[in-house]
Amino acid sequence: SIDHTKHSLFGASKVAADILVQEYGRYFGMKTGIFRGGCLTGP
């Protein structure tokens, strides 16, 4: 669940974005993919 939990304000703003991207896919039929990253790293 992404609900009933403490996110931090950063987490909350990313939830808003995450849901928007899902919605533009489901509502408008756009080809949208959401990748919920763990720790992203590299050189």
PDB file of all heavy atoms in Angstrom:
ATOM      1  N   SER A   1       0.819  -1.208   0.000  1.00  0.00           N
ATOM      2  CA  SER A   1       0.000   0.000   0.000  1.00  0.00           C
ATOM      3  C   SER A   1       0.858   1.265   0.000  1.00  0.00           C
ATOM      4  O   SER A   1       1.901   1.327   0.657  1.00  0.00           O
ATOM      5  CB  SER A   1      -0.912   0.012   1.227  1.00  0.00           C
ATOM      6  OG  SER A   1      -1.635   1.230   1.299  1.00  0.00           O
ATOM      7  N   ILE A   2       0.401   2.281  -0.749  1.00  0.00           N
ATOM      8  CA  ILE A   2       1.057   3.591  -0.694  1.00  0.00           C
ATOM      9  C   ILE A   2       0.232   4.541   0.180  1.00  0.00           C
ATOM     10  O   ILE A   2       0.530   5.734   0.267  1.00  0.00           O
ATOM     11  CB  ILE A   2       1.257   4.202  -2.100  1.00  0.00           C
ATOM     12  CG1 ILE A   2      -0.074   4.525  -2.775  1.00  0.00           C
ATOM     13  CG2 ILE A   2       2.071   3.252  -2.977  1.00  0.00           C
ATOM     14  CD1 ILE A   2       0.073   5.294  -4.082  1.00  0.00           C
ATOM     15  N   ASP A   3      -0.765   4.010   0.875  1.00  0.00           N
ATOM     16  CA  ASP A   3      -1.713   4.824   1.650  1.00  0.00           C
ATOM     17  C   ASP A   3      -1.476   4.631   3.153  1.00  0.00           C
ATOM     18  O   ASP A   3      -0.782   3.707   3.583  1.00  0.00           O
ATOM     19  CB  ASP A   3      -3.137   4.390   1.276  1.00  0.00           C
ATOM     20  CG  ASP A   3      -4.169   5.471   1.531  1.00  0.00           C
ATOM     21  OD1 ASP A   3      -3.792   6.563   1.989  1.00  0.00           O
ATOM     22  OD2 ASP A   3      -5.354   5.217   1.265  1.00  0.00           O
ATOM     23  N   HIS A   4      -2.055   5.518   3.964  1.00  0.00           N
ATOM     24  CA  HIS A   4      -2.027   5.405   5.432  1.00  0.00           C
ATOM     25  C   HIS A   4      -0.609   5.214   5.966  1.00  0.00           C
ATOM     26  O   HIS A   4      -0.336   4.266   6.716  1.00  0.00           O
ATOM     27  CB  HIS A   4      -2.926   4.251   5.904  1.00  0.00           C
ATOM     28  CG  HIS A   4      -4.336   4.353   5.412  1.00  0.00           C
ATOM     29  ND1 HIS A   4      -5.176   5.395   5.743  1.00  0.00           N
ATOM     30  CD2 HIS A   4      -5.050   3.565   4.564  1.00  0.00           C
ATOM     31  CE1 HIS A   4      -6.346   5.227   5.149  1.00  0.00           C
ATOM     32  NE2 HIS A   4      -6.298   4.127   4.423  1.00  0.00           N
ATOM     33  N   THR A   5       0.291   6.094   5.577  1.00  0.00           N
ATOM     34  CA  THR A   5       1.692   5.928   5.938  1.00  0.00           C
ATOM     35  C   THR A   5       2.394   7.275   5.883  1.00  0.00           C
ATOM     36  O   THR A   5       1.923   8.204   5.219  1.00  0.00           O
ATOM     37  CB  THR A   5       2.370   4.928   4.965  1.00  0.00           C
ATOM     38  OG1 THR A   5       3.748   4.816   5.279  1.00  0.00           O
ATOM     39  CG2 THR A   5       2.238   5.374   3.512  1.00  0.00           C
ATOM     40  N   LYS A   6       3.508   7.392   6.593  1.00  0.00           N
ATOM     41  CA  LYS A   6       4.301   8.629   6.556  1.00  0.00           C
ATOM     42  C   LYS A   6       5.305   8.548   5.418  1.00  0.00           C
ATOM     43  O   LYS A   6       6.138   7.656   5.369  1.00  0.00           O
ATOM     44  CB  LYS A   6       5.037   8.832   7.882  1.00  0.00           C
ATOM     45  CG  LYS A   6       5.834  10.137   7.938  1.00  0.00           C
ATOM     46  CD  LYS A   6       6.742  10.181   9.158  1.00  0.00           C
ATOM     47  CE  LYS A   6       5.910  10.371  10.414  1.00  0.00           C
ATOM     48  NZ  LYS A   6       6.769  10.435  11.631  1.00  0.00           N
ATOM     49  N   HIS A   7       5.231   9.524   4.508  1.00  0.00           N
ATOM     50  CA  HIS A   7       6.044   9.484   3.295  1.00  0.00           C
ATOM     51  C   HIS A   7       7.262  10.396   3.338  1.00  0.00           C
ATOM     52  O   HIS A   7       8.194  10.194   2.566  1.00  0.00           O
ATOM     53  CB  HIS A   7       5.207   9.936   2.087  1.00  0.00           C
ATOM     54  CG  HIS A   7       4.132   8.990   1.678  1.00  0.00           C
ATOM     55  ND1 HIS A   7       2.874   9.017   2.222  1.00  0.00           N
ATOM     56  CD2 HIS A   7       4.132   7.998   0.769  1.00  0.00           C
ATOM     57  CE1 HIS A   7       2.134   8.072   1.665  1.00  0.00           C
ATOM     58  NE2 HIS A   7       2.865   7.437   0.770  1.00  0.00           N
ATOM     59  N   SER A   8       7.242  11.448   4.133  1.00  0.00           N
ATOM     60  CA  SER A   8       8.056  12.651   4.003  1.00  0.00           C
ATOM     61  C   SER A   8       7.418  13.490   2.903  1.00  0.00           C
ATOM     62  O   SER A   8       6.676  12.971   2.050  1.00  0.00           O
ATOM     63  CB  SER A   8       9.533  12.378   3.687  1.00  0.00           C
ATOM     64  OG  SER A   8       9.741  12.118   2.310  1.00  0.00           O
ATOM     65  N   LEU A   9       7.682  14.775   2.900  1.00  0.00           N
ATOM     66  CA  LEU A   9       7.086  15.643   1.873  1.00  0.00           C
ATOM     67  C   LEU A   9       7.601  15.274   0.483  1.00  0.00           C
ATOM     68  O   LEU A   9       6.873  15.366  -0.510  1.00  0.00           O
ATOM     69  CB  LEU A   9       7.382  17.112   2.184  1.00  0.00           C
ATOM     70  CG  LEU A   9       6.702  17.663   3.445  1.00  0.00           C
ATOM     71  CD1 LEU A   9       7.066  19.120   3.657  1.00  0.00           C
ATOM     72  CD2 LEU A   9       5.191  17.502   3.372  1.00  0.00           C
ATOM     73  N   PHE A  10       8.860  14.853   0.418  1.00  0.00           N
ATOM     74  CA  PHE A  10       9.408  14.358  -0.848  1.00  0.00           C
ATOM     75  C   PHE A  10       8.598  13.157  -1.345  1.00  0.00           C
ATOM     76  O   PHE A  10       8.189  13.096  -2.506  1.00  0.00           O
ATOM     77  CB  PHE A  10      10.874  13.958  -0.664  1.00  0.00           C
ATOM     78  CG  PHE A  10      11.373  12.964  -1.677  1.00  0.00           C
ATOM     79  CD1 PHE A  10      11.623  13.344  -2.979  1.00  0.00           C
ATOM     80  CD2 PHE A  10      11.578  11.630  -1.323  1.00  0.00           C
ATOM     81  CE1 PHE A  10      12.072  12.421  -3.930  1.00  0.00           C
ATOM     82  CE2 PHE A  10      12.031  10.701  -2.258  1.00  0.00           C
ATOM     83  CZ  PHE A  10      12.281  11.106  -3.558  1.00  0.00           C
ATOM     84  N   GLY A  11       8.349  12.199  -0.457  1.00  0.00           N
ATOM     85  CA  GLY A  11       7.578  11.017  -0.831  1.00  0.00           C
ATOM     86  C   GLY A  11       6.184  11.387  -1.310  1.00  0.00           C
ATOM     87  O   GLY A  11       5.670  10.818  -2.276  1.00  0.00           O
ATOM     88  N   ALA A  12       5.582  12.391  -0.656  1.00  0.00           N
ATOM     89  CA  ALA A  12       4.227  12.813  -1.033  1.00  0.00           C
ATOM     90  C   ALA A  12       4.205  13.462  -2.417  1.00  0.00           C
ATOM     91  O   ALA A  12       3.305  13.213  -3.225  1.00  0.00           O
ATOM     92  CB  ALA A  12       3.670  13.782   0.010  1.00  0.00           C
ATOM     93  N   SER A  13       5.209  14.286  -2.712  1.00  0.00           N
ATOM     94  CA  SER A  13       5.243  14.930  -4.029  1.00  0.00           C
ATOM     95  C   SER A  13       5.512  13.903  -5.124  1.00  0.00           C
ATOM     96  O   SER A  13       4.992  14.021  -6.244  1.00  0.00           O
ATOM     97  CB  SER A  13       6.297  16.049  -4.070  1.00  0.00           C
ATOM     98  OG  SER A  13       7.613  15.553  -3.917  1.00  0.00           O
ATOM     99  N   LYS A  14       6.287  12.868  -4.810  1.00  0.00           N
ATOM    100  CA  LYS A  14       6.533  11.810  -5.795  1.00  0.00           C
ATOM    101  C   LYS A  14       5.305  10.909  -5.958  1.00  0.00           C
ATOM    102  O   LYS A  14       5.050  10.396  -7.049  1.00  0.00           O
ATOM    103  CB  LYS A  14       7.762  10.988  -5.394  1.00  0.00           C
ATOM    104  CG  LYS A  14       9.082  11.733  -5.487  1.00  0.00           C
ATOM    105  CD  LYS A  14       9.483  12.093  -6.910  1.00  0.00           C
ATOM    106  CE  LYS A  14      10.132  10.938  -7.638  1.00  0.00           C
ATOM    107  NZ  LYS A  14      10.731  11.362  -8.942  1.00  0.00           N
ATOM    108  N   VAL A  15       4.529  10.707  -4.882  1.00  0.00           N
ATOM    109  CA  VAL A  15       3.264   9.973  -5.012  1.00  0.00           C
ATOM    110  C   VAL A  15       2.344  10.703  -5.987  1.00  0.00           C
ATOM    111  O   VAL A  15       1.743  10.090  -6.879  1.00  0.00           O
ATOM    112  CB  VAL A  15       2.555   9.821  -3.649  1.00  0.00           C
ATOM    113  CG1 VAL A  15       1.089   9.422  -3.833  1.00  0.00           C
ATOM    114  CG2 VAL A  15       3.250   8.774  -2.788  1.00  0.00           C
ATOM    115  N   ALA A  16       2.247  12.025  -5.847  1.00  0.00           N
ATOM    116  CA  ALA A  16       1.396  12.816  -6.729  1.00  0.00           C
ATOM    117  C   ALA A  16       1.819  12.621  -8.185  1.00  0.00           C
ATOM    118  O   ALA A  16       0.981  12.409  -9.073  1.00  0.00           O
ATOM    119  CB  ALA A  16       1.461  14.297  -6.342  1.00  0.00           C
ATOM    120  N   ALA A  17       3.128  12.673  -8.424  1.00  0.00           N
ATOM    121  CA  ALA A  17       3.651  12.501  -9.780  1.00  0.00           C
ATOM    122  C   ALA A  17       3.402  11.082 -10.284  1.00  0.00           C
ATOM    123  O   ALA A  17       2.992  10.871 -11.437  1.00  0.00           O
ATOM    124  CB  ALA A  17       5.144  12.818  -9.798  1.00  0.00           C
ATOM    125  N   ASP A  18       3.653  10.101  -9.438  1.00  0.00           N
ATOM    126  CA  ASP A  18       3.473   8.684  -9.762  1.00  0.00           C
ATOM    127  C   ASP A  18       2.036   8.427 -10.223  1.00  0.00           C
ATOM    128  O   ASP A  18       1.791   7.814 -11.278  1.00  0.00           O
ATOM    129  CB  ASP A  18       3.812   7.873  -8.504  1.00  0.00           C
ATOM    130  CG  ASP A  18       3.808   6.366  -8.691  1.00  0.00           C
ATOM    131  OD1 ASP A  18       2.786   5.822  -9.125  1.00  0.00           O
ATOM    132  OD2 ASP A  18       4.833   5.719  -8.352  1.00  0.00           O
ATOM    133  N   ILE A  19       1.065   8.921  -9.445  1.00  0.00           N
ATOM    134  CA  ILE A  19      -0.348   8.716  -9.763  1.00  0.00           C
ATOM    135  C   ILE A  19      -0.727   9.452 -11.054  1.00  0.00           C
ATOM    136  O   ILE A  19      -1.509   8.946 -11.876  1.00  0.00           O
ATOM    137  CB  ILE A  19      -1.238   9.191  -8.594  1.00  0.00           C
ATOM    138  CG1 ILE A  19      -0.967   8.357  -7.338  1.00  0.00           C
ATOM    139  CG2 ILE A  19      -2.713   9.127  -8.978  1.00  0.00           C
ATOM    140  CD1 ILE A  19      -1.336   6.902  -7.452  1.00  0.00           C
ATOM    141  N   LEU A  20      -0.170  10.653 -11.243  1.00  0.00           N
ATOM    142  CA  LEU A  20      -0.436  11.396 -12.476  1.00  0.00           C
ATOM    143  C   LEU A  20       0.010  10.614 -13.709  1.00  0.00           C
ATOM    144  O   LEU A  20      -0.713  10.550 -14.713  1.00  0.00           O
ATOM    145  CB  LEU A  20       0.292  12.744 -12.437  1.00  0.00           C
ATOM    146  CG  LEU A  20      -0.414  13.910 -11.740  1.00  0.00           C
ATOM    147  CD1 LEU A  20       0.558  15.070 -11.542  1.00  0.00           C
ATOM    148  CD2 LEU A  20      -1.629  14.366 -12.541  1.00  0.00           C
ATOM    149  N   VAL A  21       1.203  10.029 -13.641  1.00  0.00           N
ATOM    150  CA  VAL A  21       1.723   9.285 -14.793  1.00  0.00           C
ATOM    151  C   VAL A  21       0.862   8.049 -15.049  1.00  0.00           C
ATOM    152  O   VAL A  21       0.549   7.709 -16.203  1.00  0.00           O
ATOM    153  CB  VAL A  21       3.210   8.905 -14.600  1.00  0.00           C
ATOM    154  CG1 VAL A  21       3.723   8.137 -15.820  1.00  0.00           C
ATOM    155  CG2 VAL A  21       4.072  10.147 -14.374  1.00  0.00           C
ATOM    156  N   GLN A  22       0.440   7.377 -13.978  1.00  0.00           N
ATOM    157  CA  GLN A  22      -0.484   6.253 -14.148  1.00  0.00           C
ATOM    158  C   GLN A  22      -1.775   6.717 -14.813  1.00  0.00           C
ATOM    159  O   GLN A  22      -2.305   6.065 -15.717  1.00  0.00           O
ATOM    160  CB  GLN A  22      -0.828   5.637 -12.789  1.00  0.00           C
ATOM    161  CG  GLN A  22       0.288   4.872 -12.116  1.00  0.00           C
ATOM    162  CD  GLN A  22      -0.209   4.203 -10.841  1.00  0.00           C
ATOM    163  OE1 GLN A  22      -1.179   3.449 -10.861  1.00  0.00           O
ATOM    164  NE2 GLN A  22       0.449   4.485  -9.721  1.00  0.00           N
ATOM    165  N   GLU A  23      -2.279   7.865 -14.339  1.00  0.00           N
ATOM    166  CA  GLU A  23      -3.584   8.348 -14.808  1.00  0.00           C
ATOM    167  C   GLU A  23      -3.551   8.777 -16.270  1.00  0.00           C
ATOM    168  O   GLU A  23      -4.510   8.524 -17.020  1.00  0.00           O
ATOM    169  CB  GLU A  23      -4.063   9.504 -13.923  1.00  0.00           C
ATOM    170  CG  GLU A  23      -5.550   9.778 -14.015  1.00  0.00           C
ATOM    171  CD  GLU A  23      -6.401   8.591 -13.592  1.00  0.00           C
ATOM    172  OE1 GLU A  23      -5.955   7.770 -12.766  1.00  0.00           O
ATOM    173  OE2 GLU A  23      -7.533   8.472 -14.112  1.00  0.00           O
ATOM    174  N   TYR A  24      -2.475   9.414 -16.695  1.00  0.00           N
ATOM    175  CA  TYR A  24      -2.363   9.791 -18.103  1.00  0.00           C
ATOM    176  C   TYR A  24      -2.326   8.538 -18.993  1.00  0.00           C
ATOM    177  O   TYR A  24      -2.758   8.579 -20.144  1.00  0.00           O
ATOM    178  CB  TYR A  24      -1.139  10.673 -18.344  1.00  0.00           C
ATOM    179  CG  TYR A  24      -1.465  12.154 -18.281  1.00  0.00           C
ATOM    180  CD1 TYR A  24      -1.788  12.757 -17.072  1.00  0.00           C
ATOM    181  CD2 TYR A  24      -1.465  12.940 -19.422  1.00  0.00           C
ATOM    182  CE1 TYR A  24      -2.106  14.106 -16.997  1.00  0.00           C
ATOM    183  CE2 TYR A  24      -1.774  14.296 -19.372  1.00  0.00           C
ATOM    184  CZ  TYR A  24      -2.097  14.869 -18.150  1.00  0.00           C
ATOM    185  OH  TYR A  24      -2.409  16.210 -18.090  1.00  0.00           O
ATOM    186  N   GLY A  25      -1.825   7.439 -18.440  1.00  0.00           N
ATOM    187  CA  GLY A  25      -1.897   6.175 -19.159  1.00  0.00           C
ATOM    188  C   GLY A  25      -3.312   5.622 -19.177  1.00  0.00           C
ATOM    189  O   GLY A  25      -3.881   5.360 -20.246  1.00  0.00           O
ATOM    190  N   ARG A  26      -3.906   5.490 -18.018  1.00  0.00           N
ATOM    191  CA  ARG A  26      -5.209   4.830 -17.913  1.00  0.00           C
ATOM    192  C   ARG A  26      -6.343   5.680 -18.487  1.00  0.00           C
ATOM    193  O   ARG A  26      -7.279   5.170 -19.091  1.00  0.00           O
ATOM    194  CB  ARG A  26      -5.498   4.484 -16.452  1.00  0.00           C
ATOM    195  CG  ARG A  26      -4.528   3.462 -15.873  1.00  0.00           C
ATOM    196  CD  ARG A  26      -4.657   3.367 -14.345  1.00  0.00           C
ATOM    197  NE  ARG A  26      -3.523   2.654 -13.770  1.00  0.00           N
ATOM    198  CZ  ARG A  26      -3.494   1.355 -13.543  1.00  0.00           C
ATOM    199  NH1 ARG A  26      -4.538   0.618 -13.859  1.00  0.00           N
ATOM    200  NH2 ARG A  26      -2.433   0.793 -12.997  1.00  0.00           N
ATOM    201  N   TYR A  27      -6.280   7.006 -18.266  1.00  0.00           N
ATOM    202  CA  TYR A  27      -7.362   7.893 -18.686  1.00  0.00           C
ATOM    203  C   TYR A  27      -7.248   8.276 -20.158  1.00  0.00           C
ATOM    204  O   TYR A  27      -8.235   8.245 -20.899  1.00  0.00           O
ATOM    205  CB  TYR A  27      -7.360   9.153 -17.811  1.00  0.00           C
ATOM    206  CG  TYR A  27      -8.598  10.013 -17.961  1.00  0.00           C
ATOM    207  CD1 TYR A  27      -9.718   9.809 -17.156  1.00  0.00           C
ATOM    208  CD2 TYR A  27      -8.644  11.041 -18.898  1.00  0.00           C
ATOM    209  CE1 TYR A  27     -10.853  10.592 -17.290  1.00  0.00           C
ATOM    210  CE2 TYR A  27      -9.778  11.838 -19.043  1.00  0.00           C
ATOM    211  CZ  TYR A  27     -10.879  11.605 -18.235  1.00  0.00           C
ATOM    212  OH  TYR A  27     -12.013  12.386 -18.381  1.00  0.00           O
ATOM    213  N   PHE A  28      -6.048   8.634 -20.584  1.00  0.00           N
ATOM    214  CA  PHE A  28      -5.841   9.096 -21.958  1.00  0.00           C
ATOM    215  C   PHE A  28      -5.300   7.998 -22.888  1.00  0.00           C
ATOM    216  O   PHE A  28      -5.139   8.221 -24.090  1.00  0.00           O
ATOM    217  CB  PHE A  28      -4.880  10.285 -21.998  1.00  0.00           C
ATOM    218  CG  PHE A  28      -5.419  11.528 -21.338  1.00  0.00           C
ATOM    219  CD1 PHE A  28      -4.815  12.054 -20.210  1.00  0.00           C
ATOM    220  CD2 PHE A  28      -6.538  12.178 -21.850  1.00  0.00           C
ATOM    221  CE1 PHE A  28      -5.303  13.207 -19.599  1.00  0.00           C
ATOM    222  CE2 PHE A  28      -7.033  13.331 -21.254  1.00  0.00           C
ATOM    223  CZ  PHE A  28      -6.422  13.840 -20.126  1.00  0.00           C
ATOM    224  N   GLY A  29      -4.987   6.833 -22.314  1.00  0.00           N
ATOM    225  CA  GLY A  29      -4.485   5.731 -23.136  1.00  0.00           C
ATOM    226  C   GLY A  29      -3.048   5.921 -23.596  1.00  0.00           C
ATOM    227  O   GLY A  29      -2.613   5.290 -24.563  1.00  0.00           O
ATOM    228  N   MET A  30      -2.294   6.768 -22.907  1.00  0.00           N
ATOM    229  CA  MET A  30      -0.898   6.999 -23.282  1.00  0.00           C
ATOM    230  C   MET A  30      -0.009   5.859 -22.783  1.00  0.00           C
ATOM    231  O   MET A  30      -0.332   5.187 -21.798  1.00  0.00           O
ATOM    232  CB  MET A  30      -0.418   8.348 -22.720  1.00  0.00           C
ATOM    233  CG  MET A  30      -1.032   9.536 -23.436  1.00  0.00           C
ATOM    234  SD  MET A  30      -0.777  11.134 -22.594  1.00  0.00           S
ATOM    235  CE  MET A  30       1.016  11.197 -22.475  1.00  0.00           C
ATOM    236  N   LYS A  31       1.093   5.671 -23.481  1.00  0.00           N
ATOM    237  CA  LYS A  31       2.017   4.580 -23.128  1.00  0.00           C
ATOM    238  C   LYS A  31       2.958   5.077 -22.023  1.00  0.00           C
ATOM    239  O   LYS A  31       4.032   5.603 -22.292  1.00  0.00           O
ATOM    240  CB  LYS A  31       2.784   4.127 -24.371  1.00  0.00           C
ATOM    241  CG  LYS A  31       1.886   3.554 -25.456  1.00  0.00           C
ATOM    242  CD  LYS A  31       2.667   3.034 -26.635  1.00  0.00           C
ATOM    243  CE  LYS A  31       3.100   4.135 -27.582  1.00  0.00           C
ATOM    244  NZ  LYS A  31       2.004   4.540 -28.498  1.00  0.00           N
ATOM    245  N   THR A  32       2.519   4.944 -20.792  1.00  0.00           N
ATOM    246  CA  THR A  32       3.303   5.446 -19.655  1.00  0.00           C
ATOM    247  C   THR A  32       3.791   4.300 -18.778  1.00  0.00           C
ATOM    248  O   THR A  32       3.047   3.345 -18.518  1.00  0.00           O
ATOM    249  CB  THR A  32       2.480   6.427 -18.793  1.00  0.00           C
ATOM    250  OG1 THR A  32       1.348   5.744 -18.228  1.00  0.00           O
ATOM    251  CG2 THR A  32       1.988   7.609 -19.620  1.00  0.00           C
ATOM    252  N   GLY A  33       5.035   4.407 -18.327  1.00  0.00           N
ATOM    253  CA  GLY A  33       5.626   3.422 -17.428  1.00  0.00           C
ATOM    254  C   GLY A  33       6.207   4.106 -16.206  1.00  0.00           C
ATOM    255  O   GLY A  33       6.877   5.134 -16.328  1.00  0.00           O
ATOM    256  N   ILE A  34       5.921   3.554 -15.038  1.00  0.00           N
ATOM    257  CA  ILE A  34       6.376   4.124 -13.768  1.00  0.00           C
ATOM    258  C   ILE A  34       7.345   3.146 -13.126  1.00  0.00           C
ATOM    259  O   ILE A  34       7.001   1.978 -12.900  1.00  0.00           O
ATOM    260  CB  ILE A  34       5.182   4.383 -12.816  1.00  0.00           C
ATOM    261  CG1 ILE A  34       4.220   5.407 -13.425  1.00  0.00           C
ATOM    262  CG2 ILE A  34       5.671   4.839 -11.453  1.00  0.00           C
ATOM    263  CD1 ILE A  34       3.099   4.797 -14.237  1.00  0.00           C
ATOM    264  N   PHE A  35       8.548   3.611 -12.828  1.00  0.00           N
ATOM    265  CA  PHE A  35       9.579   2.757 -12.236  1.00  0.00           C
ATOM    266  C   PHE A  35       9.915   3.270 -10.838  1.00  0.00           C
ATOM    267  O   PHE A  35      10.491   4.347 -10.691  1.00  0.00           O
ATOM    268  CB  PHE A  35      10.821   2.736 -13.130  1.00  0.00           C
ATOM    269  CG  PHE A  35      10.613   1.977 -14.412  1.00  0.00           C
ATOM    270  CD1 PHE A  35       9.912   2.548 -15.465  1.00  0.00           C
ATOM    271  CD2 PHE A  35      11.082   0.677 -14.558  1.00  0.00           C
ATOM    272  CE1 PHE A  35       9.687   1.854 -16.644  1.00  0.00           C
ATOM    273  CE2 PHE A  35      10.861  -0.035 -15.738  1.00  0.00           C
ATOM    274  CZ  PHE A  35      10.168   0.559 -16.779  1.00  0.00           C
ATOM    275  N   ARG A  36       9.521   2.496  -9.830  1.00  0.00           N
ATOM    276  CA  ARG A  36       9.729   2.891  -8.431  1.00  0.00           C
ATOM    277  C   ARG A  36      11.096   2.393  -7.969  1.00  0.00           C
ATOM    278  O   ARG A  36      11.259   1.244  -7.571  1.00  0.00           O
ATOM    279  CB  ARG A  36       8.602   2.327  -7.562  1.00  0.00           C
ATOM    280  CG  ARG A  36       7.254   2.951  -7.885  1.00  0.00           C
ATOM    281  CD  ARG A  36       6.110   2.300  -7.138  1.00  0.00           C
ATOM    282  NE  ARG A  36       4.847   3.023  -7.395  1.00  0.00           N
ATOM    283  CZ  ARG A  36       3.636   2.570  -7.069  1.00  0.00           C
ATOM    284  NH1 ARG A  36       3.515   1.380  -6.482  1.00  0.00           N
ATOM    285  NH2 ARG A  36       2.569   3.286  -7.330  1.00  0.00           N
ATOM    286  N   GLY A  37      12.067   3.283  -8.034  1.00  0.00           N
ATOM    287  CA  GLY A  37      13.450   2.907  -7.807  1.00  0.00           C
ATOM    288  C   GLY A  37      13.805   2.696  -6.348  1.00  0.00           C
ATOM    289  O   GLY A  37      13.288   3.372  -5.458  1.00  0.00           O
ATOM    290  N   GLY A  38      14.708   1.734  -6.125  1.00  0.00           N
ATOM    291  CA  GLY A  38      15.386   1.620  -4.839  1.00  0.00           C
ATOM    292  C   GLY A  38      16.518   2.643  -4.839  1.00  0.00           C
ATOM    293  O   GLY A  38      16.328   3.778  -5.256  1.00  0.00           O
ATOM    294  N   CYS A  39      17.694   2.261  -4.406  1.00  0.00           N
ATOM    295  CA  CYS A  39      18.845   3.163  -4.502  1.00  0.00           C
ATOM    296  C   CYS A  39      19.414   3.069  -5.912  1.00  0.00           C
ATOM    297  O   CYS A  39      19.872   2.004  -6.327  1.00  0.00           O
ATOM    298  CB  CYS A  39      19.911   2.792  -3.472  1.00  0.00           C
ATOM    299  SG  CYS A  39      19.571   3.453  -1.845  1.00  0.00           S
ATOM    300  N   LEU A  40      19.359   4.176  -6.631  1.00  0.00           N
ATOM    301  CA  LEU A  40      19.905   4.245  -7.987  1.00  0.00           C
ATOM    302  C   LEU A  40      21.324   4.785  -7.876  1.00  0.00           C
ATOM    303  O   LEU A  40      21.549   5.797  -7.227  1.00  0.00           O
ATOM    304  CB  LEU A  40      19.062   5.175  -8.861  1.00  0.00           C
ATOM    305  CG  LEU A  40      17.532   5.031  -8.722  1.00  0.00           C
ATOM    306  CD1 LEU A  40      16.833   6.022  -9.625  1.00  0.00           C
ATOM    307  CD2 LEU A  40      17.092   3.606  -9.003  1.00  0.00           C
ATOM    308  N   THR A  41      22.264   4.125  -8.516  1.00  0.00           N
ATOM    309  CA  THR A  41      23.648   4.519  -8.298  1.00  0.00           C
ATOM    310  C   THR A  41      24.487   4.259  -9.544  1.00  0.00           C
ATOM    311  O   THR A  41      24.002   3.713 -10.527  1.00  0.00           O
ATOM    312  CB  THR A  41      24.220   3.777  -7.066  1.00  0.00           C
ATOM    313  OG1 THR A  41      25.433   4.377  -6.672  1.00  0.00           O
ATOM    314  CG2 THR A  41      24.418   2.286  -7.343  1.00  0.00           C
ATOM    315  N   GLY A  42      25.738   4.689  -9.482  1.00  0.00           N
ATOM    316  CA  GLY A  42      26.629   4.509 -10.620  1.00  0.00           C
ATOM    317  C   GLY A  42      27.756   5.523 -10.588  1.00  0.00           C
ATOM    318  O   GLY A  42      27.773   6.428  -9.754  1.00  0.00           O
ATOM    319  N   PRO A  43      28.722   5.384 -11.494  1.00  0.00           N
ATOM    320  CA  PRO A  43      29.941   6.199 -11.446  1.00  0.00           C
ATOM    321  C   PRO A  43      29.728   7.677 -11.747  1.00  0.00           C
ATOM    322  O   PRO A  43      30.582   8.493 -11.423  1.00  0.00           O
ATOM    323  CB  PRO A  43      30.841   5.561 -12.512  1.00  0.00           C
ATOM    324  CG  PRO A  43      29.911   4.818 -13.418  1.00  0.00           C
ATOM    325  CD  PRO A  43      28.775   4.368 -12.560  1.00  0.00           C
TER     326      PRO A  43
END
